[in-house]
Amino acid sequence: MVGPSTTKLSSRGQVVIPEEIRTRLGLETGAQFVVVGEGDVVVLKALKAPNMSAFKELLDRARASADAAGLEPEEVERAVREVRGSIRTRAYPVDL
């Protein structure tokens, strides 16, 4: 870990991530983050899509789990819709 840097909060609630950190982490314009705040600590966690082979592996494992549980495709689709709806209506803690 490189030494700390400082930044300021703008009147619009924006924070600039120092260039050295953006470069080191490969952050580009439009990067998305999960933001968690507790007390006087704010944590930004960059969101990055998995590469296609990692995504395929995850999908294969999910399908195998659904098959092992005896779930039909319609049941999986219904469960996904329910979870998506609950995420929109409730805040869940983020596991960093």
PDB file of N, CA and C in Angstrom:
ATOM      1  N   MET A   1       0.853  -1.181   0.000  1.00  0.00           N
ATOM      2  CA  MET A   1       0.000   0.000   0.000  1.00  0.00           C
ATOM      3  C   MET A   1       0.893   1.236   0.000  1.00  0.00           C
ATOM      4  N   VAL A   2       0.573   2.165  -0.859  1.00  0.00           N
ATOM      5  CA  VAL A   2       1.291   3.426  -0.953  1.00  0.00           C
ATOM      6  C   VAL A   2       0.729   4.377   0.100  1.00  0.00           C
ATOM      7  N   GLY A   3       1.533   5.339   0.517  1.00  0.00           N
ATOM      8  CA  GLY A   3       1.113   6.288   1.537  1.00  0.00           C
ATOM      9  C   GLY A   3      -0.201   6.965   1.231  1.00  0.00           C
ATOM     10  N   PRO A   4      -0.826   7.552   2.262  1.00  0.00           N
ATOM     11  CA  PRO A   4      -2.138   8.178   2.082  1.00  0.00           C
ATOM     12  C   PRO A   4      -2.050   9.478   1.289  1.00  0.00           C
ATOM     13  N   SER A   5      -3.153   9.825   0.673  1.00  0.00           N
ATOM     14  CA  SER A   5      -3.318  11.097  -0.032  1.00  0.00           C
ATOM     15  C   SER A   5      -4.510  11.799   0.593  1.00  0.00           C
ATOM     16  N   THR A   6      -4.665  13.067   0.297  1.00  0.00           N
ATOM     17  CA  THR A   6      -5.832  13.788   0.789  1.00  0.00           C
ATOM     18  C   THR A   6      -6.626  14.322  -0.400  1.00  0.00           C
ATOM     19  N   THR A   7      -7.885  14.589  -0.154  1.00  0.00           N
ATOM     20  CA  THR A   7      -8.775  15.142  -1.168  1.00  0.00           C
ATOM     21  C   THR A   7      -9.846  15.936  -0.448  1.00  0.00           C
ATOM     22  N   LYS A   8     -10.715  16.608  -1.180  1.00  0.00           N
ATOM     23  CA  LYS A   8     -11.780  17.422  -0.592  1.00  0.00           C
ATOM     24  C   LYS A   8     -13.130  17.006  -1.161  1.00  0.00           C
ATOM     25  N   LEU A   9     -14.153  17.254  -0.376  1.00  0.00           N
ATOM     26  CA  LEU A   9     -15.524  17.053  -0.813  1.00  0.00           C
ATOM     27  C   LEU A   9     -16.018  18.359  -1.425  1.00  0.00           C
ATOM     28  N   SER A  10     -16.529  18.301  -2.651  1.00  0.00           N
ATOM     29  CA  SER A  10     -17.019  19.517  -3.317  1.00  0.00           C
ATOM     30  C   SER A  10     -18.412  19.880  -2.805  1.00  0.00           C
ATOM     31  N   SER A  11     -18.871  21.043  -3.184  1.00  0.00           N
ATOM     32  CA  SER A  11     -20.215  21.489  -2.792  1.00  0.00           C
ATOM     33  C   SER A  11     -21.295  20.594  -3.393  1.00  0.00           C
ATOM     34  N   ARG A  12     -20.945  19.841  -4.430  1.00  0.00           N
ATOM     35  CA  ARG A  12     -21.893  18.918  -5.070  1.00  0.00           C
ATOM     36  C   ARG A  12     -21.754  17.493  -4.538  1.00  0.00           C
ATOM     37  N   GLY A  13     -20.945  17.310  -3.481  1.00  0.00           N
ATOM     38  CA  GLY A  13     -20.789  15.981  -2.884  1.00  0.00           C
ATOM     39  C   GLY A  13     -19.813  15.101  -3.623  1.00  0.00           C
ATOM     40  N   GLN A  14     -18.978  15.666  -4.477  1.00  0.00           N
ATOM     41  CA  GLN A  14     -18.032  14.878  -5.268  1.00  0.00           C
ATOM     42  C   GLN A  14     -16.667  14.845  -4.587  1.00  0.00           C
ATOM     43  N   VAL A  15     -15.998  13.709  -4.731  1.00  0.00           N
ATOM     44  CA  VAL A  15     -14.649  13.527  -4.193  1.00  0.00           C
ATOM     45  C   VAL A  15     -13.753  13.118  -5.349  1.00  0.00           C
ATOM     46  N   VAL A  16     -12.595  13.748  -5.465  1.00  0.00           N
ATOM     47  CA  VAL A  16     -11.635  13.392  -6.509  1.00  0.00           C
ATOM     48  C   VAL A  16     -10.682  12.354  -5.944  1.00  0.00           C
ATOM     49  N   ILE A  17     -10.559  11.237  -6.632  1.00  0.00           N
ATOM     50  CA  ILE A  17      -9.574  10.222  -6.255  1.00  0.00           C
ATOM     51  C   ILE A  17      -8.255  10.657  -6.882  1.00  0.00           C
ATOM     52  N   PRO A  18      -7.205  10.791  -6.073  1.00  0.00           N
ATOM     53  CA  PRO A  18      -5.929  11.270  -6.608  1.00  0.00           C
ATOM     54  C   PRO A  18      -5.453  10.450  -7.810  1.00  0.00           C
ATOM     55  N   GLU A  19      -4.816  11.132  -8.764  1.00  0.00           N
ATOM     56  CA  GLU A  19      -4.385  10.506 -10.016  1.00  0.00           C
ATOM     57  C   GLU A  19      -3.510   9.282  -9.789  1.00  0.00           C
ATOM     58  N   GLU A  20      -2.576   9.348  -8.841  1.00  0.00           N
ATOM     59  CA  GLU A  20      -1.688   8.210  -8.571  1.00  0.00           C
ATOM     60  C   GLU A  20      -2.486   6.958  -8.223  1.00  0.00           C
ATOM     61  N   ILE A  21      -3.528   7.122  -7.429  1.00  0.00           N
ATOM     62  CA  ILE A  21      -4.350   5.974  -7.027  1.00  0.00           C
ATOM     63  C   ILE A  21      -5.187   5.490  -8.203  1.00  0.00           C
ATOM     64  N   ARG A  22      -5.782   6.426  -8.969  1.00  0.00           N
ATOM     65  CA  ARG A  22      -6.566   6.025 -10.155  1.00  0.00           C
ATOM     66  C   ARG A  22      -5.710   5.225 -11.124  1.00  0.00           C
ATOM     67  N   THR A  23      -4.490   5.681 -11.353  1.00  0.00           N
ATOM     68  CA  THR A  23      -3.582   4.996 -12.292  1.00  0.00           C
ATOM     69  C   THR A  23      -3.222   3.615 -11.768  1.00  0.00           C
ATOM     70  N   ARG A  24      -2.822   3.549 -10.509  1.00  0.00           N
ATOM     71  CA  ARG A  24      -2.389   2.270  -9.926  1.00  0.00           C
ATOM     72  C   ARG A  24      -3.506   1.236  -9.941  1.00  0.00           C
ATOM     73  N   LEU A  25      -4.751   1.691  -9.723  1.00  0.00           N
ATOM     74  CA  LEU A  25      -5.889   0.769  -9.680  1.00  0.00           C
ATOM     75  C   LEU A  25      -6.556   0.571 -11.039  1.00  0.00           C
ATOM     76  N   GLY A  26      -6.085   1.300 -12.053  1.00  0.00           N
ATOM     77  CA  GLY A  26      -6.676   1.166 -13.383  1.00  0.00           C
ATOM     78  C   GLY A  26      -8.086   1.718 -13.470  1.00  0.00           C
ATOM     79  N   LEU A  27      -8.381   2.750 -12.691  1.00  0.00           N
ATOM     80  CA  LEU A  27      -9.723   3.344 -12.693  1.00  0.00           C
ATOM     81  C   LEU A  27      -9.845   4.329 -13.838  1.00  0.00           C
ATOM     82  N   GLU A  28     -10.932   4.215 -14.568  1.00  0.00           N
ATOM     83  CA  GLU A  28     -11.170   5.096 -15.707  1.00  0.00           C
ATOM     84  C   GLU A  28     -12.484   5.829 -15.518  1.00  0.00           C
ATOM     85  N   THR A  29     -12.694   6.869 -16.319  1.00  0.00           N
ATOM     86  CA  THR A  29     -13.936   7.636 -16.270  1.00  0.00           C
ATOM     87  C   THR A  29     -15.124   6.691 -16.372  1.00  0.00           C
ATOM     88  N   GLY A  30     -16.098   6.886 -15.524  1.00  0.00           N
ATOM     89  CA  GLY A  30     -17.296   6.046 -15.536  1.00  0.00           C
ATOM     90  C   GLY A  30     -17.217   4.849 -14.610  1.00  0.00           C
ATOM     91  N   ALA A  31     -16.057   4.642 -13.950  1.00  0.00           N
ATOM     92  CA  ALA A  31     -15.935   3.516 -13.013  1.00  0.00           C
ATOM     93  C   ALA A  31     -17.024   3.627 -11.950  1.00  0.00           C
ATOM     94  N   GLN A  32     -17.563   2.490 -11.539  1.00  0.00           N
ATOM     95  CA  GLN A  32     -18.616   2.479 -10.527  1.00  0.00           C
ATOM     96  C   GLN A  32     -18.072   1.905  -9.229  1.00  0.00           C
ATOM     97  N   PHE A  33     -18.652   2.365  -8.115  1.00  0.00           N
ATOM     98  CA  PHE A  33     -18.195   1.964  -6.792  1.00  0.00           C
ATOM     99  C   PHE A  33     -19.371   1.641  -5.890  1.00  0.00           C
ATOM    100  N   VAL A  34     -19.129   0.764  -4.929  1.00  0.00           N
ATOM    101  CA  VAL A  34     -20.011   0.607  -3.789  1.00  0.00           C
ATOM    102  C   VAL A  34     -19.439   1.552  -2.739  1.00  0.00           C
ATOM    103  N   VAL A  35     -20.302   2.318  -2.068  1.00  0.00           N
ATOM    104  CA  VAL A  35     -19.849   3.257  -1.051  1.00  0.00           C
ATOM    105  C   VAL A  35     -20.456   2.841   0.281  1.00  0.00           C
ATOM    106  N   VAL A  36     -19.588   2.671   1.285  1.00  0.00           N
ATOM    107  CA  VAL A  36     -20.030   2.289   2.620  1.00  0.00           C
ATOM    108  C   VAL A  36     -19.498   3.326   3.600  1.00  0.00           C
ATOM    109  N   GLY A  37     -20.341   3.801   4.498  1.00  0.00           N
ATOM    110  CA  GLY A  37     -19.910   4.764   5.494  1.00  0.00           C
ATOM    111  C   GLY A  37     -20.291   4.301   6.883  1.00  0.00           C
ATOM    112  N   GLU A  38     -19.359   4.455   7.806  1.00  0.00           N
ATOM    113  CA  GLU A  38     -19.607   4.088   9.205  1.00  0.00           C
ATOM    114  C   GLU A  38     -18.774   5.009  10.074  1.00  0.00           C
ATOM    115  N   GLY A  39     -19.418   5.747  10.960  1.00  0.00           N
ATOM    116  CA  GLY A  39     -18.685   6.693  11.795  1.00  0.00           C
ATOM    117  C   GLY A  39     -18.015   7.733  10.913  1.00  0.00           C
ATOM    118  N   ASP A  40     -16.697   7.873  11.054  1.00  0.00           N
ATOM    119  CA  ASP A  40     -15.972   8.832  10.215  1.00  0.00           C
ATOM    120  C   ASP A  40     -15.186   8.142   9.103  1.00  0.00           C
ATOM    121  N   VAL A  41     -15.575   6.905   8.768  1.00  0.00           N
ATOM    122  CA  VAL A  41     -14.882   6.136   7.732  1.00  0.00           C
ATOM    123  C   VAL A  41     -15.788   5.982   6.515  1.00  0.00           C
ATOM    124  N   VAL A  42     -15.234   6.276   5.341  1.00  0.00           N
ATOM    125  CA  VAL A  42     -15.936   6.064   4.076  1.00  0.00           C
ATOM    126  C   VAL A  42     -15.066   5.130   3.245  1.00  0.00           C
ATOM    127  N   VAL A  43     -15.668   4.054   2.746  1.00  0.00           N
ATOM    128  CA  VAL A  43     -14.938   3.081   1.935  1.00  0.00           C
ATOM    129  C   VAL A  43     -15.545   3.056   0.544  1.00  0.00           C
ATOM    130  N   LEU A  44     -14.691   3.154  -0.474  1.00  0.00           N
ATOM    131  CA  LEU A  44     -15.115   2.998  -1.864  1.00  0.00           C
ATOM    132  C   LEU A  44     -14.578   1.656  -2.350  1.00  0.00           C
ATOM    133  N   LYS A  45     -15.433   0.832  -2.902  1.00  0.00           N
ATOM    134  CA  LYS A  45     -15.022  -0.465  -3.452  1.00  0.00           C
ATOM    135  C   LYS A  45     -15.368  -0.447  -4.927  1.00  0.00           C
ATOM    136  N   ALA A  46     -14.336  -0.503  -5.785  1.00  0.00           N
ATOM    137  CA  ALA A  46     -14.570  -0.490  -7.232  1.00  0.00           C
ATOM    138  C   ALA A  46     -15.333  -1.738  -7.657  1.00  0.00           C
ATOM    139  N   LEU A  47     -16.329  -1.542  -8.511  1.00  0.00           N
ATOM    140  CA  LEU A  47     -17.087  -2.661  -9.071  1.00  0.00           C
ATOM    141  C   LEU A  47     -16.502  -2.991 -10.433  1.00  0.00           C
ATOM    142  N   LYS A  48     -16.123  -4.224 -10.610  1.00  0.00           N
ATOM    143  CA  LYS A  48     -15.585  -4.649 -11.898  1.00  0.00           C
ATOM    144  C   LYS A  48     -16.298  -5.925 -12.323  1.00  0.00           C
ATOM    145  N   ALA A  49     -16.694  -5.947 -13.576  1.00  0.00           N
ATOM    146  CA  ALA A  49     -17.365  -7.137 -14.106  1.00  0.00           C
ATOM    147  C   ALA A  49     -16.370  -8.286 -14.194  1.00  0.00           C
ATOM    148  N   PRO A  50     -16.830  -9.502 -13.919  1.00  0.00           N
ATOM    149  CA  PRO A  50     -15.914 -10.649 -14.054  1.00  0.00           C
ATOM    150  C   PRO A  50     -15.588 -10.877 -15.523  1.00  0.00           C
ATOM    151  N   ASN A  51     -14.430 -11.480 -15.780  1.00  0.00           N
ATOM    152  CA  ASN A  51     -14.136 -11.830 -17.167  1.00  0.00           C
ATOM    153  C   ASN A  51     -15.069 -12.956 -17.578  1.00  0.00           C
ATOM    154  N   MET A  52     -15.186 -13.208 -18.858  1.00  0.00           N
ATOM    155  CA  MET A  52     -16.173 -14.167 -19.354  1.00  0.00           C
ATOM    156  C   MET A  52     -15.936 -15.585 -18.846  1.00  0.00           C
ATOM    157  N   SER A  53     -14.687 -16.012 -18.694  1.00  0.00           N
ATOM    158  CA  SER A  53     -14.458 -17.374 -18.207  1.00  0.00           C
ATOM    159  C   SER A  53     -14.875 -17.498 -16.741  1.00  0.00           C
ATOM    160  N   ALA A  54     -14.627 -16.456 -15.934  1.00  0.00           N
ATOM    161  CA  ALA A  54     -15.059 -16.481 -14.535  1.00  0.00           C
ATOM    162  C   ALA A  54     -16.581 -16.452 -14.459  1.00  0.00           C
ATOM    163  N   PHE A  55     -17.221 -15.660 -15.340  1.00  0.00           N
ATOM    164  CA  PHE A  55     -18.677 -15.597 -15.357  1.00  0.00           C
ATOM    165  C   PHE A  55     -19.269 -16.941 -15.759  1.00  0.00           C
ATOM    166  N   LYS A  56     -18.679 -17.593 -16.773  1.00  0.00           N
ATOM    167  CA  LYS A  56     -19.176 -18.899 -17.205  1.00  0.00           C
ATOM    168  C   LYS A  56     -19.046 -19.915 -16.080  1.00  0.00           C
ATOM    169  N   GLU A  57     -17.930 -19.889 -15.363  1.00  0.00           N
ATOM    170  CA  GLU A  57     -17.733 -20.816 -14.243  1.00  0.00           C
ATOM    171  C   GLU A  57     -18.793 -20.582 -13.161  1.00  0.00           C
ATOM    172  N   LEU A  58     -19.058 -19.327 -12.855  1.00  0.00           N
ATOM    173  CA  LEU A  58     -20.075 -18.993 -11.861  1.00  0.00           C
ATOM    174  C   LEU A  58     -21.455 -19.465 -12.318  1.00  0.00           C
ATOM    175  N   LEU A  59     -21.769 -19.238 -13.575  1.00  0.00           N
ATOM    176  CA  LEU A  59     -23.050 -19.662 -14.129  1.00  0.00           C
ATOM    177  C   LEU A  59     -23.185 -21.186 -14.098  1.00  0.00           C
ATOM    178  N   ASP A  60     -22.121 -21.904 -14.464  1.00  0.00           N
ATOM    179  CA  ASP A  60     -22.147 -23.375 -14.427  1.00  0.00           C
ATOM    180  C   ASP A  60     -22.385 -23.889 -13.008  1.00  0.00           C
ATOM    181  N   ARG A  61     -21.738 -23.254 -12.026  1.00  0.00           N
ATOM    182  CA  ARG A  61     -21.924 -23.681 -10.632  1.00  0.00           C
ATOM    183  C   ARG A  61     -23.353 -23.413 -10.169  1.00  0.00           C
ATOM    184  N   ALA A  62     -23.902 -22.263 -10.582  1.00  0.00           N
ATOM    185  CA  ALA A  62     -25.279 -21.937 -10.208  1.00  0.00           C
ATOM    186  C   ALA A  62     -26.258 -22.934 -10.827  1.00  0.00           C
ATOM    187  N   ARG A  63     -26.029 -23.280 -12.077  1.00  0.00           N
ATOM    188  CA  ARG A  63     -26.908 -24.253 -12.738  1.00  0.00           C
ATOM    189  C   ARG A  63     -26.815 -25.615 -12.064  1.00  0.00           C
ATOM    190  N   ALA A  64     -25.605 -26.035 -11.708  1.00  0.00           N
ATOM    191  CA  ALA A  64     -25.419 -27.328 -11.031  1.00  0.00           C
ATOM    192  C   ALA A  64     -26.126 -27.322  -9.678  1.00  0.00           C
ATOM    193  N   SER A  65     -26.046 -26.220  -8.960  1.00  0.00           N
ATOM    194  CA  SER A  65     -26.719 -26.122  -7.658  1.00  0.00           C
ATOM    195  C   SER A  65     -28.235 -26.186  -7.821  1.00  0.00           C
ATOM    196  N   ALA A  66     -28.764 -25.496  -8.835  1.00  0.00           N
ATOM    197  CA  ALA A  66     -30.203 -25.521  -9.083  1.00  0.00           C
ATOM    198  C   ALA A  66     -30.652 -26.930  -9.463  1.00  0.00           C
ATOM    199  N   ASP A  67     -29.862 -27.602 -10.302  1.00  0.00           N
ATOM    200  CA  ASP A  67     -30.192 -28.982 -10.686  1.00  0.00           C
ATOM    201  C   ASP A  67     -30.176 -29.903  -9.472  1.00  0.00           C
ATOM    202  N   ALA A  68     -29.143 -29.768  -8.632  1.00  0.00           N
ATOM    203  CA  ALA A  68     -29.023 -30.616  -7.442  1.00  0.00           C
ATOM    204  C   ALA A  68     -30.183 -30.393  -6.483  1.00  0.00           C
ATOM    205  N   ALA A  69     -30.713 -29.177  -6.451  1.00  0.00           N
ATOM    206  CA  ALA A  69     -31.846 -28.863  -5.576  1.00  0.00           C
ATOM    207  C   ALA A  69     -33.177 -29.241  -6.213  1.00  0.00           C
ATOM    208  N   GLY A  70     -33.142 -29.700  -7.466  1.00  0.00           N
ATOM    209  CA  GLY A  70     -34.363 -30.098  -8.152  1.00  0.00           C
ATOM    210  C   GLY A  70     -35.220 -28.926  -8.605  1.00  0.00           C
ATOM    211  N   LEU A  71     -34.612 -27.770  -8.805  1.00  0.00           N
ATOM    212  CA  LEU A  71     -35.366 -26.587  -9.222  1.00  0.00           C
ATOM    213  C   LEU A  71     -35.599 -26.582 -10.728  1.00  0.00           C
ATOM    214  N   GLU A  72     -36.784 -26.180 -11.101  1.00  0.00           N
ATOM    215  CA  GLU A  72     -37.125 -26.016 -12.502  1.00  0.00           C
ATOM    216  C   GLU A  72     -36.712 -24.599 -12.936  1.00  0.00           C
ATOM    217  N   PRO A  73     -36.448 -24.388 -14.234  1.00  0.00           N
ATOM    218  CA  PRO A  73     -36.047 -23.056 -14.707  1.00  0.00           C
ATOM    219  C   PRO A  73     -37.022 -21.952 -14.303  1.00  0.00           C
ATOM    220  N   GLU A  74     -38.317 -22.243 -14.308  1.00  0.00           N
ATOM    221  CA  GLU A  74     -39.305 -21.240 -13.927  1.00  0.00           C
ATOM    222  C   GLU A  74     -39.142 -20.835 -12.467  1.00  0.00           C
ATOM    223  N   GLU A  75     -38.802 -21.801 -11.601  1.00  0.00           N
ATOM    224  CA  GLU A  75     -38.604 -21.502 -10.186  1.00  0.00           C
ATOM    225  C   GLU A  75     -37.373 -20.608  -9.979  1.00  0.00           C
ATOM    226  N   VAL A  76     -36.330 -20.876 -10.752  1.00  0.00           N
ATOM    227  CA  VAL A  76     -35.124 -20.052 -10.664  1.00  0.00           C
ATOM    228  C   VAL A  76     -35.426 -18.629 -11.126  1.00  0.00           C
ATOM    229  N   GLU A  77     -36.141 -18.492 -12.237  1.00  0.00           N
ATOM    230  CA  GLU A  77     -36.495 -17.169 -12.742  1.00  0.00           C
ATOM    231  C   GLU A  77     -37.333 -16.396 -11.730  1.00  0.00           C
ATOM    232  N   ARG A  78     -38.280 -17.075 -11.078  1.00  0.00           N
ATOM    233  CA  ARG A  78     -39.120 -16.426 -10.075  1.00  0.00           C
ATOM    234  C   ARG A  78     -38.264 -15.974  -8.883  1.00  0.00           C
ATOM    235  N   ALA A  79     -37.344 -16.818  -8.443  1.00  0.00           N
ATOM    236  CA  ALA A  79     -36.478 -16.458  -7.318  1.00  0.00           C
ATOM    237  C   ALA A  79     -35.604 -15.257  -7.659  1.00  0.00           C
ATOM    238  N   VAL A  80     -35.081 -15.204  -8.884  1.00  0.00           N
ATOM    239  CA  VAL A  80     -34.258 -14.072  -9.308  1.00  0.00           C
ATOM    240  C   VAL A  80     -35.089 -12.793  -9.299  1.00  0.00           C
ATOM    241  N   ARG A  81     -36.323 -12.850  -9.816  1.00  0.00           N
ATOM    242  CA  ARG A  81     -37.190 -11.668  -9.807  1.00  0.00           C
ATOM    243  C   ARG A  81     -37.456 -11.194  -8.379  1.00  0.00           C
ATOM    244  N   GLU A  82     -37.692 -12.133  -7.456  1.00  0.00           N
ATOM    245  CA  GLU A  82     -37.960 -11.766  -6.066  1.00  0.00           C
ATOM    246  C   GLU A  82     -36.748 -11.091  -5.429  1.00  0.00           C
ATOM    247  N   VAL A  83     -35.574 -11.641  -5.675  1.00  0.00           N
ATOM    248  CA  VAL A  83     -34.357 -11.059  -5.091  1.00  0.00           C
ATOM    249  C   VAL A  83     -34.101  -9.680  -5.673  1.00  0.00           C
ATOM    250  N   ARG A  84     -34.257  -9.535  -6.982  1.00  0.00           N
ATOM    251  CA  ARG A  84     -34.060  -8.217  -7.598  1.00  0.00           C
ATOM    252  C   ARG A  84     -35.013  -7.194  -7.007  1.00  0.00           C
ATOM    253  N   GLY A  85     -36.251  -7.586  -6.777  1.00  0.00           N
ATOM    254  CA  GLY A  85     -37.225  -6.678  -6.178  1.00  0.00           C
ATOM    255  C   GLY A  85     -36.867  -6.307  -4.758  1.00  0.00           C
ATOM    256  N   SER A  86     -36.359  -7.257  -3.977  1.00  0.00           N
ATOM    257  CA  SER A  86     -36.019  -6.950  -2.587  1.00  0.00           C
ATOM    258  C   SER A  86     -34.768  -6.085  -2.505  1.00  0.00           C
ATOM    259  N   ILE A  87     -33.859  -6.209  -3.458  1.00  0.00           N
ATOM    260  CA  ILE A  87     -32.654  -5.371  -3.462  1.00  0.00           C
ATOM    261  C   ILE A  87     -33.039  -3.928  -3.726  1.00  0.00           C
ATOM    262  N   ARG A  88     -34.021  -3.708  -4.563  1.00  0.00           N
ATOM    263  CA  ARG A  88     -34.447  -2.345  -4.874  1.00  0.00           C
ATOM    264  C   ARG A  88     -35.130  -1.679  -3.685  1.00  0.00           C
ATOM    265  N   THR A  89     -35.735  -2.484  -2.811  1.00  0.00           N
ATOM    266  CA  THR A  89     -36.528  -1.900  -1.733  1.00  0.00           C
ATOM    267  C   THR A  89     -35.833  -1.908  -0.382  1.00  0.00           C
ATOM    268  N   ARG A  90     -34.703  -2.629  -0.240  1.00  0.00           N
ATOM    269  CA  ARG A  90     -34.010  -2.685   1.046  1.00  0.00           C
ATOM    270  C   ARG A  90     -32.528  -2.480   0.855  1.00  0.00           C
ATOM    271  N   ALA A  91     -31.896  -1.966   1.881  1.00  0.00           N
ATOM    272  CA  ALA A  91     -30.443  -1.817   1.869  1.00  0.00           C
ATOM    273  C   ALA A  91     -29.836  -3.042   2.546  1.00  0.00           C
ATOM    274  N   TYR A  92     -28.905  -3.661   1.899  1.00  0.00           N
ATOM    275  CA  TYR A  92     -28.209  -4.811   2.457  1.00  0.00           C
ATOM    276  C   TYR A  92     -26.779  -4.410   2.800  1.00  0.00           C
ATOM    277  N   PRO A  93     -26.217  -4.942   3.894  1.00  0.00           N
ATOM    278  CA  PRO A  93     -24.808  -4.678   4.175  1.00  0.00           C
ATOM    279  C   PRO A  93     -23.957  -5.283   3.059  1.00  0.00           C
ATOM    280  N   VAL A  94     -22.861  -4.643   2.759  1.00  0.00           N
ATOM    281  CA  VAL A  94     -21.972  -5.096   1.697  1.00  0.00           C
ATOM    282  C   VAL A  94     -20.792  -5.808   2.317  1.00  0.00           C
ATOM    283  N   ASP A  95     -20.504  -6.998   1.827  1.00  0.00           N
ATOM    284  CA  ASP A  95     -19.356  -7.754   2.314  1.00  0.00           C
ATOM    285  C   ASP A  95     -18.139  -7.347   1.508  1.00  0.00           C
ATOM    286  N   LEU A  96     -17.244  -6.578   2.126  1.00  0.00           N
ATOM    287  CA  LEU A  96     -16.055  -6.122   1.411  1.00  0.00           C
ATOM    288  C   LEU A  96     -14.972  -7.079   1.639  1.00  0.00           C
TER     289      LEU A  96
END
